[in-house]
């Protein structure tokens, strides 16, 4: 997954650009933010076969349980808090 791909996801603000080194991927999910923006700028994205990449959450932290992500301690998502 690249920042450029996430930048094209529907619903992302026009001036918002995901900084490449902030992208973290895990099992069909990705998260990233724009280092040039202030505030709660972390976005969570999910990729599904029928819809492609879509925004599933946004804020200062991603709470995986609220997104339906079950956390496995042997393989935890790198973007969940």
PDB file of N, CA and C in Angstrom:
ATOM      1  N   UNK A   1       0.840  -1.171   0.000  1.00  0.00           N
ATOM      2  CA  UNK A   1       0.000   0.000   0.000  1.00  0.00           C
ATOM      3  C   UNK A   1       0.886   1.236   0.000  1.00  0.00           C
ATOM      4  N   UNK A   2       0.539   2.196  -0.810  1.00  0.00           N
ATOM      5  CA  UNK A   2       1.316   3.432  -0.873  1.00  0.00           C
ATOM      6  C   UNK A   2       0.486   4.620  -0.400  1.00  0.00           C
ATOM      7  N   UNK A   3       1.173   5.660   0.015  1.00  0.00           N
ATOM      8  CA  UNK A   3       0.501   6.895   0.416  1.00  0.00           C
ATOM      9  C   UNK A   3      -0.276   7.474  -0.764  1.00  0.00           C
ATOM     10  N   UNK A   4       0.268   7.371  -1.955  1.00  0.00           N
ATOM     11  CA  UNK A   4      -0.408   7.910  -3.144  1.00  0.00           C
ATOM     12  C   UNK A   4      -1.753   7.220  -3.371  1.00  0.00           C
ATOM     13  N   UNK A   5      -1.820   5.922  -3.138  1.00  0.00           N
ATOM     14  CA  UNK A   5      -3.087   5.200  -3.272  1.00  0.00           C
ATOM     15  C   UNK A   5      -4.081   5.687  -2.227  1.00  0.00           C
ATOM     16  N   UNK A   6      -3.648   5.832  -0.994  1.00  0.00           N
ATOM     17  CA  UNK A   6      -4.547   6.302   0.066  1.00  0.00           C
ATOM     18  C   UNK A   6      -5.014   7.729  -0.181  1.00  0.00           C
ATOM     19  N   UNK A   7      -4.183   8.551  -0.799  1.00  0.00           N
ATOM     20  CA  UNK A   7      -4.572   9.932  -1.115  1.00  0.00           C
ATOM     21  C   UNK A   7      -5.781   9.990  -2.049  1.00  0.00           C
ATOM     22  N   UNK A   8      -6.011   8.936  -2.812  1.00  0.00           N
ATOM     23  CA  UNK A   8      -7.120   8.912  -3.775  1.00  0.00           C
ATOM     24  C   UNK A   8      -8.404   8.292  -3.213  1.00  0.00           C
ATOM     25  N   UNK A   9      -8.393   7.881  -1.962  1.00  0.00           N
ATOM     26  CA  UNK A   9      -9.577   7.248  -1.365  1.00  0.00           C
ATOM     27  C   UNK A   9     -10.696   8.284  -1.241  1.00  0.00           C
ATOM     28  N   UNK A  10     -11.919   7.938  -1.679  1.00  0.00           N
ATOM     29  CA  UNK A  10     -13.040   8.870  -1.560  1.00  0.00           C
ATOM     30  C   UNK A  10     -13.264   9.300  -0.109  1.00  0.00           C
ATOM     31  N   UNK A  11     -13.521  10.587   0.073  1.00  0.00           N
ATOM     32  CA  UNK A  11     -13.820  11.122   1.394  1.00  0.00           C
ATOM     33  C   UNK A  11     -12.642  11.755   2.101  1.00  0.00           C
ATOM     34  N   UNK A  12     -11.438  11.554   1.602  1.00  0.00           N
ATOM     35  CA  UNK A  12     -10.271  12.191   2.201  1.00  0.00           C
ATOM     36  C   UNK A  12     -10.281  13.666   1.795  1.00  0.00           C
ATOM     37  N   UNK A  13     -10.060  14.598   2.732  1.00  0.00           N
ATOM     38  CA  UNK A  13     -10.079  16.022   2.376  1.00  0.00           C
ATOM     39  C   UNK A  13      -9.121  16.334   1.216  1.00  0.00           C
ATOM     40  N   UNK A  14      -9.515  17.250   0.355  1.00  0.00           N
ATOM     41  CA  UNK A  14      -8.745  17.566  -0.860  1.00  0.00           C
ATOM     42  C   UNK A  14      -7.303  17.962  -0.596  1.00  0.00           C
ATOM     43  N   UNK A  15      -7.045  18.765   0.403  1.00  0.00           N
ATOM     44  CA  UNK A  15      -5.682  19.242   0.668  1.00  0.00           C
ATOM     45  C   UNK A  15      -4.869  18.258   1.502  1.00  0.00           C
ATOM     46  N   UNK A  16      -5.478  17.174   1.917  1.00  0.00           N
ATOM     47  CA  UNK A  16      -4.820  16.205   2.794  1.00  0.00           C
ATOM     48  C   UNK A  16      -3.977  15.255   1.959  1.00  0.00           C
ATOM     49  N   UNK A  17      -2.712  15.054   2.353  1.00  0.00           N
ATOM     50  CA  UNK A  17      -1.814  14.124   1.673  1.00  0.00           C
ATOM     51  C   UNK A  17      -1.147  13.237   2.712  1.00  0.00           C
ATOM     52  N   UNK A  18      -1.355  11.943   2.601  1.00  0.00           N
ATOM     53  CA  UNK A  18      -0.746  10.989   3.520  1.00  0.00           C
ATOM     54  C   UNK A  18       0.771  11.033   3.335  1.00  0.00           C
ATOM     55  N   UNK A  19       1.497  11.206   4.431  1.00  0.00           N
ATOM     56  CA  UNK A  19       2.956  11.209   4.389  1.00  0.00           C
ATOM     57  C   UNK A  19       3.423   9.753   4.257  1.00  0.00           C
ATOM     58  N   UNK A  20       4.240   9.440   3.226  1.00  0.00           N
ATOM     59  CA  UNK A  20       4.602   8.041   2.960  1.00  0.00           C
ATOM     60  C   UNK A  20       5.149   7.264   4.154  1.00  0.00           C
ATOM     61  N   UNK A  21       5.983   7.870   4.973  1.00  0.00           N
ATOM     62  CA  UNK A  21       6.575   7.103   6.074  1.00  0.00           C
ATOM     63  C   UNK A  21       5.637   6.895   7.262  1.00  0.00           C
ATOM     64  N   UNK A  22       4.401   7.387   7.171  1.00  0.00           N
ATOM     65  CA  UNK A  22       3.425   7.160   8.245  1.00  0.00           C
ATOM     66  C   UNK A  22       2.499   5.985   7.955  1.00  0.00           C
ATOM     67  N   UNK A  23       2.545   5.456   6.751  1.00  0.00           N
ATOM     68  CA  UNK A  23       1.629   4.372   6.364  1.00  0.00           C
ATOM     69  C   UNK A  23       2.017   3.076   7.069  1.00  0.00           C
ATOM     70  N   UNK A  24       1.029   2.462   7.716  1.00  0.00           N
ATOM     71  CA  UNK A  24       1.188   1.169   8.381  1.00  0.00           C
ATOM     72  C   UNK A  24       0.074   0.257   7.871  1.00  0.00           C
ATOM     73  N   UNK A  25       0.433  -0.937   7.435  1.00  0.00           N
ATOM     74  CA  UNK A  25      -0.540  -1.870   6.854  1.00  0.00           C
ATOM     75  C   UNK A  25      -0.652  -3.139   7.693  1.00  0.00           C
ATOM     76  N   UNK A  26      -1.831  -3.751   7.614  1.00  0.00           N
ATOM     77  CA  UNK A  26      -2.089  -4.993   8.335  1.00  0.00           C
ATOM     78  C   UNK A  26      -3.371  -5.634   7.811  1.00  0.00           C
ATOM     79  N   UNK A  27      -3.260  -6.821   7.234  1.00  0.00           N
ATOM     80  CA  UNK A  27      -4.420  -7.646   6.854  1.00  0.00           C
ATOM     81  C   UNK A  27      -5.568  -6.897   6.174  1.00  0.00           C
ATOM     82  N   UNK A  28      -5.321  -6.184   5.126  1.00  0.00           N
ATOM     83  CA  UNK A  28      -6.384  -5.470   4.418  1.00  0.00           C
ATOM     84  C   UNK A  28      -6.748  -4.134   5.029  1.00  0.00           C
ATOM     85  N   UNK A  29      -5.977  -3.708   5.997  1.00  0.00           N
ATOM     86  CA  UNK A  29      -6.169  -2.405   6.638  1.00  0.00           C
ATOM     87  C   UNK A  29      -4.904  -1.566   6.459  1.00  0.00           C
ATOM     88  N   UNK A  30      -5.062  -0.271   6.511  1.00  0.00           N
ATOM     89  CA  UNK A  30      -3.918   0.638   6.478  1.00  0.00           C
ATOM     90  C   UNK A  30      -4.272   1.876   7.296  1.00  0.00           C
ATOM     91  N   UNK A  31      -3.265   2.543   7.782  1.00  0.00           N
ATOM     92  CA  UNK A  31      -3.454   3.807   8.507  1.00  0.00           C
ATOM     93  C   UNK A  31      -2.306   4.731   8.141  1.00  0.00           C
ATOM     94  N   UNK A  32      -2.581   6.013   8.176  1.00  0.00           N
ATOM     95  CA  UNK A  32      -1.550   7.001   7.898  1.00  0.00           C
ATOM     96  C   UNK A  32      -2.067   8.397   8.157  1.00  0.00           C
ATOM     97  N   UNK A  33      -1.172   9.364   8.137  1.00  0.00           N
ATOM     98  CA  UNK A  33      -1.575  10.748   8.376  1.00  0.00           C
ATOM     99  C   UNK A  33      -0.693  11.698   7.590  1.00  0.00           C
ATOM    100  N   UNK A  34      -1.107  12.942   7.558  1.00  0.00           N
ATOM    101  CA  UNK A  34      -0.397  14.025   6.888  1.00  0.00           C
ATOM    102  C   UNK A  34       0.373  14.798   7.954  1.00  0.00           C
ATOM    103  N   UNK A  35       1.689  14.700   7.922  1.00  0.00           N
ATOM    104  CA  UNK A  35       2.518  15.380   8.928  1.00  0.00           C
ATOM    105  C   UNK A  35       2.381  16.904   8.877  1.00  0.00           C
ATOM    106  N   UNK A  36       1.876  17.444   7.781  1.00  0.00           N
ATOM    107  CA  UNK A  36       1.723  18.898   7.645  1.00  0.00           C
ATOM    108  C   UNK A  36       0.415  19.424   8.223  1.00  0.00           C
ATOM    109  N   UNK A  37      -0.469  18.531   8.640  1.00  0.00           N
ATOM    110  CA  UNK A  37      -1.756  18.941   9.205  1.00  0.00           C
ATOM    111  C   UNK A  37      -1.676  18.950  10.726  1.00  0.00           C
ATOM    112  N   UNK A  38      -2.448  19.809  11.333  1.00  0.00           N
ATOM    113  CA  UNK A  38      -2.526  19.860  12.794  1.00  0.00           C
ATOM    114  C   UNK A  38      -3.818  19.185  13.244  1.00  0.00           C
ATOM    115  N   UNK A  39      -3.799  18.666  14.449  1.00  0.00           N
ATOM    116  CA  UNK A  39      -5.013  18.085  15.007  1.00  0.00           C
ATOM    117  C   UNK A  39      -5.053  16.578  14.873  1.00  0.00           C
ATOM    118  N   UNK A  40      -6.276  16.068  14.945  1.00  0.00           N
ATOM    119  CA  UNK A  40      -6.516  14.624  14.939  1.00  0.00           C
ATOM    120  C   UNK A  40      -6.531  14.098  13.511  1.00  0.00           C
ATOM    121  N   UNK A  41      -5.362  13.823  12.978  1.00  0.00           N
ATOM    122  CA  UNK A  41      -5.271  13.533  11.560  1.00  0.00           C
ATOM    123  C   UNK A  41      -5.005  12.113  11.146  1.00  0.00           C
ATOM    124  N   UNK A  42      -5.031  11.141  12.055  1.00  0.00           N
ATOM    125  CA  UNK A  42      -4.786   9.752  11.677  1.00  0.00           C
ATOM    126  C   UNK A  42      -6.039   9.186  11.010  1.00  0.00           C
ATOM    127  N   UNK A  43      -5.857   8.582   9.839  1.00  0.00           N
ATOM    128  CA  UNK A  43      -6.970   7.952   9.134  1.00  0.00           C
ATOM    129  C   UNK A  43      -6.748   6.454   9.070  1.00  0.00           C
ATOM    130  N   UNK A  44      -7.823   5.685   9.238  1.00  0.00           N
ATOM    131  CA  UNK A  44      -7.798   4.233   9.073  1.00  0.00           C
ATOM    132  C   UNK A  44      -8.577   3.895   7.809  1.00  0.00           C
ATOM    133  N   UNK A  45      -8.026   2.992   7.021  1.00  0.00           N
ATOM    134  CA  UNK A  45      -8.616   2.589   5.754  1.00  0.00           C
ATOM    135  C   UNK A  45      -8.767   1.070   5.734  1.00  0.00           C
ATOM    136  N   UNK A  46      -9.821   0.599   5.064  1.00  0.00           N
ATOM    137  CA  UNK A  46      -9.991  -0.834   4.874  1.00  0.00           C
ATOM    138  C   UNK A  46     -10.153  -1.112   3.387  1.00  0.00           C
ATOM    139  N   UNK A  47      -9.558  -2.201   2.930  1.00  0.00           N
ATOM    140  CA  UNK A  47      -9.689  -2.625   1.543  1.00  0.00           C
ATOM    141  C   UNK A  47     -10.564  -3.862   1.477  1.00  0.00           C
ATOM    142  N   UNK A  48     -11.641  -3.792   0.692  1.00  0.00           N
ATOM    143  CA  UNK A  48     -12.512  -4.945   0.486  1.00  0.00           C
ATOM    144  C   UNK A  48     -12.637  -5.192  -1.013  1.00  0.00           C
ATOM    145  N   UNK A  49     -12.866  -6.444  -1.415  1.00  0.00           N
ATOM    146  CA  UNK A  49     -12.959  -6.760  -2.841  1.00  0.00           C
ATOM    147  C   UNK A  49     -14.065  -5.996  -3.564  1.00  0.00           C
ATOM    148  N   UNK A  50     -15.175  -5.742  -2.903  1.00  0.00           N
ATOM    149  CA  UNK A  50     -16.303  -5.086  -3.571  1.00  0.00           C
ATOM    150  C   UNK A  50     -16.220  -3.558  -3.577  1.00  0.00           C
ATOM    151  N   UNK A  51     -15.505  -2.943  -2.630  1.00  0.00           N
ATOM    152  CA  UNK A  51     -15.458  -1.479  -2.573  1.00  0.00           C
ATOM    153  C   UNK A  51     -14.071  -0.890  -2.724  1.00  0.00           C
ATOM    154  N   UNK A  52     -13.027  -1.690  -2.646  1.00  0.00           N
ATOM    155  CA  UNK A  52     -11.667  -1.160  -2.682  1.00  0.00           C
ATOM    156  C   UNK A  52     -11.349  -0.480  -1.359  1.00  0.00           C
ATOM    157  N   UNK A  53     -10.465   0.494  -1.391  1.00  0.00           N
ATOM    158  CA  UNK A  53     -10.053   1.201  -0.172  1.00  0.00           C
ATOM    159  C   UNK A  53     -11.102   2.222   0.226  1.00  0.00           C
ATOM    160  N   UNK A  54     -11.472   2.229   1.506  1.00  0.00           N
ATOM    161  CA  UNK A  54     -12.437   3.179   2.058  1.00  0.00           C
ATOM    162  C   UNK A  54     -11.959   3.631   3.431  1.00  0.00           C
ATOM    163  N   UNK A  55     -12.305   4.868   3.793  1.00  0.00           N
ATOM    164  CA  UNK A  55     -12.008   5.386   5.131  1.00  0.00           C
ATOM    165  C   UNK A  55     -12.956   4.717   6.120  1.00  0.00           C
ATOM    166  N   UNK A  56     -12.398   4.206   7.210  1.00  0.00           N
ATOM    167  CA  UNK A  56     -13.205   3.547   8.228  1.00  0.00           C
ATOM    168  C   UNK A  56     -13.119   4.229   9.586  1.00  0.00           C
ATOM    169  N   UNK A  57     -12.160   5.145   9.749  1.00  0.00           N
ATOM    170  CA  UNK A  57     -12.028   5.845  11.014  1.00  0.00           C
ATOM    171  C   UNK A  57     -11.052   6.993  10.889  1.00  0.00           C
ATOM    172  N   UNK A  58     -11.165   7.945  11.811  1.00  0.00           N
ATOM    173  CA  UNK A  58     -10.285   9.113  11.787  1.00  0.00           C
ATOM    174  C   UNK A  58     -10.231   9.684  13.177  1.00  0.00           C
ATOM    175  N   UNK A  59      -9.041  10.140  13.589  1.00  0.00           N
ATOM    176  CA  UNK A  59      -8.899  10.749  14.899  1.00  0.00           C
ATOM    177  C   UNK A  59      -7.458  10.774  15.350  1.00  0.00           C
ATOM    178  N   UNK A  60      -7.261  10.987  16.638  1.00  0.00           N
ATOM    179  CA  UNK A  60      -5.900  11.041  17.176  1.00  0.00           C
ATOM    180  C   UNK A  60      -5.347   9.651  17.429  1.00  0.00           C
ATOM    181  N   UNK A  61      -6.218   8.639  17.472  1.00  0.00           N
ATOM    182  CA  UNK A  61      -5.814   7.255  17.681  1.00  0.00           C
ATOM    183  C   UNK A  61      -6.885   6.352  17.070  1.00  0.00           C
ATOM    184  N   UNK A  62      -6.484   5.169  16.698  1.00  0.00           N
ATOM    185  CA  UNK A  62      -7.417   4.203  16.138  1.00  0.00           C
ATOM    186  C   UNK A  62      -7.736   3.164  17.210  1.00  0.00           C
ATOM    187  N   UNK A  63      -9.014   3.064  17.547  1.00  0.00           N
ATOM    188  CA  UNK A  63      -9.466   2.046  18.492  1.00  0.00           C
ATOM    189  C   UNK A  63     -10.022   0.894  17.663  1.00  0.00           C
ATOM    190  N   UNK A  64      -9.220  -0.146  17.531  1.00  0.00           N
ATOM    191  CA  UNK A  64      -9.539  -1.242  16.624  1.00  0.00           C
ATOM    192  C   UNK A  64     -10.856  -1.936  16.938  1.00  0.00           C
ATOM    193  N   UNK A  65     -11.167  -2.110  18.196  1.00  0.00           N
ATOM    194  CA  UNK A  65     -12.408  -2.784  18.555  1.00  0.00           C
ATOM    195  C   UNK A  65     -13.622  -2.068  17.970  1.00  0.00           C
ATOM    196  N   UNK A  66     -13.580  -0.736  17.933  1.00  0.00           N
ATOM    197  CA  UNK A  66     -14.692   0.033  17.372  1.00  0.00           C
ATOM    198  C   UNK A  66     -14.829  -0.168  15.868  1.00  0.00           C
ATOM    199  N   UNK A  67     -13.742  -0.573  15.218  1.00  0.00           N
ATOM    200  CA  UNK A  67     -13.777  -0.824  13.781  1.00  0.00           C
ATOM    201  C   UNK A  67     -14.050  -2.297  13.461  1.00  0.00           C
ATOM    202  N   UNK A  68     -14.214  -3.101  14.494  1.00  0.00           N
ATOM    203  CA  UNK A  68     -14.462  -4.517  14.289  1.00  0.00           C
ATOM    204  C   UNK A  68     -13.200  -5.335  14.086  1.00  0.00           C
ATOM    205  N   UNK A  69     -12.048  -4.769  14.417  1.00  0.00           N
ATOM    206  CA  UNK A  69     -10.781  -5.489  14.292  1.00  0.00           C
ATOM    207  C   UNK A  69     -10.505  -6.205  15.605  1.00  0.00           C
ATOM    208  N   UNK A  70     -10.432  -7.518  15.535  1.00  0.00           N
ATOM    209  CA  UNK A  70     -10.120  -8.312  16.713  1.00  0.00           C
ATOM    210  C   UNK A  70      -8.606  -8.389  16.846  1.00  0.00           C
ATOM    211  N   UNK A  71      -8.079  -7.953  17.956  1.00  0.00           N
ATOM    212  CA  UNK A  71      -6.637  -7.887  18.148  1.00  0.00           C
ATOM    213  C   UNK A  71      -6.104  -9.243  18.605  1.00  0.00           C
ATOM    214  N   UNK A  72      -5.164  -9.750  17.828  1.00  0.00           N
ATOM    215  CA  UNK A  72      -4.476 -11.004  18.122  1.00  0.00           C
ATOM    216  C   UNK A  72      -3.105 -10.638  18.679  1.00  0.00           C
ATOM    217  N   UNK A  73      -2.820 -11.027  19.896  1.00  0.00           N
ATOM    218  CA  UNK A  73      -1.560 -10.627  20.531  1.00  0.00           C
ATOM    219  C   UNK A  73      -0.331 -11.154  19.790  1.00  0.00           C
ATOM    220  N   UNK A  74      -0.485 -12.215  18.999  1.00  0.00           N
ATOM    221  CA  UNK A  74       0.656 -12.735  18.247  1.00  0.00           C
ATOM    222  C   UNK A  74       0.890 -11.971  16.943  1.00  0.00           C
ATOM    223  N   UNK A  75      -0.096 -11.199  16.506  1.00  0.00           N
ATOM    224  CA  UNK A  75       0.020 -10.412  15.270  1.00  0.00           C
ATOM    225  C   UNK A  75      -0.831  -9.147  15.400  1.00  0.00           C
ATOM    226  N   UNK A  76      -0.437  -8.229  16.282  1.00  0.00           N
ATOM    227  CA  UNK A  76      -1.270  -7.032  16.505  1.00  0.00           C
ATOM    228  C   UNK A  76      -1.158  -6.025  15.363  1.00  0.00           C
ATOM    229  N   UNK A  77      -2.225  -5.306  15.075  1.00  0.00           N
ATOM    230  CA  UNK A  77      -2.174  -4.243  14.076  1.00  0.00           C
ATOM    231  C   UNK A  77      -1.182  -3.155  14.544  1.00  0.00           C
ATOM    232  N   UNK A  78      -0.344  -2.635  13.651  1.00  0.00           N
ATOM    233  CA  UNK A  78       0.650  -1.643  14.049  1.00  0.00           C
ATOM    234  C   UNK A  78       0.095  -0.237  14.263  1.00  0.00           C
ATOM    235  N   UNK A  79      -1.196  -0.050  14.055  1.00  0.00           N
ATOM    236  CA  UNK A  79      -1.780   1.285  14.159  1.00  0.00           C
ATOM    237  C   UNK A  79      -2.841   1.410  15.242  1.00  0.00           C
ATOM    238  N   UNK A  80      -3.104   0.347  15.984  1.00  0.00           N
ATOM    239  CA  UNK A  80      -4.144   0.376  17.012  1.00  0.00           C
ATOM    240  C   UNK A  80      -3.593   0.797  18.363  1.00  0.00           C
ATOM    241  N   UNK A  81      -4.448   1.460  19.138  1.00  0.00           N
ATOM    242  CA  UNK A  81      -4.063   1.907  20.479  1.00  0.00           C
ATOM    243  C   UNK A  81      -5.070   1.428  21.483  1.00  0.00           C
TER     244      UNK A  81
END
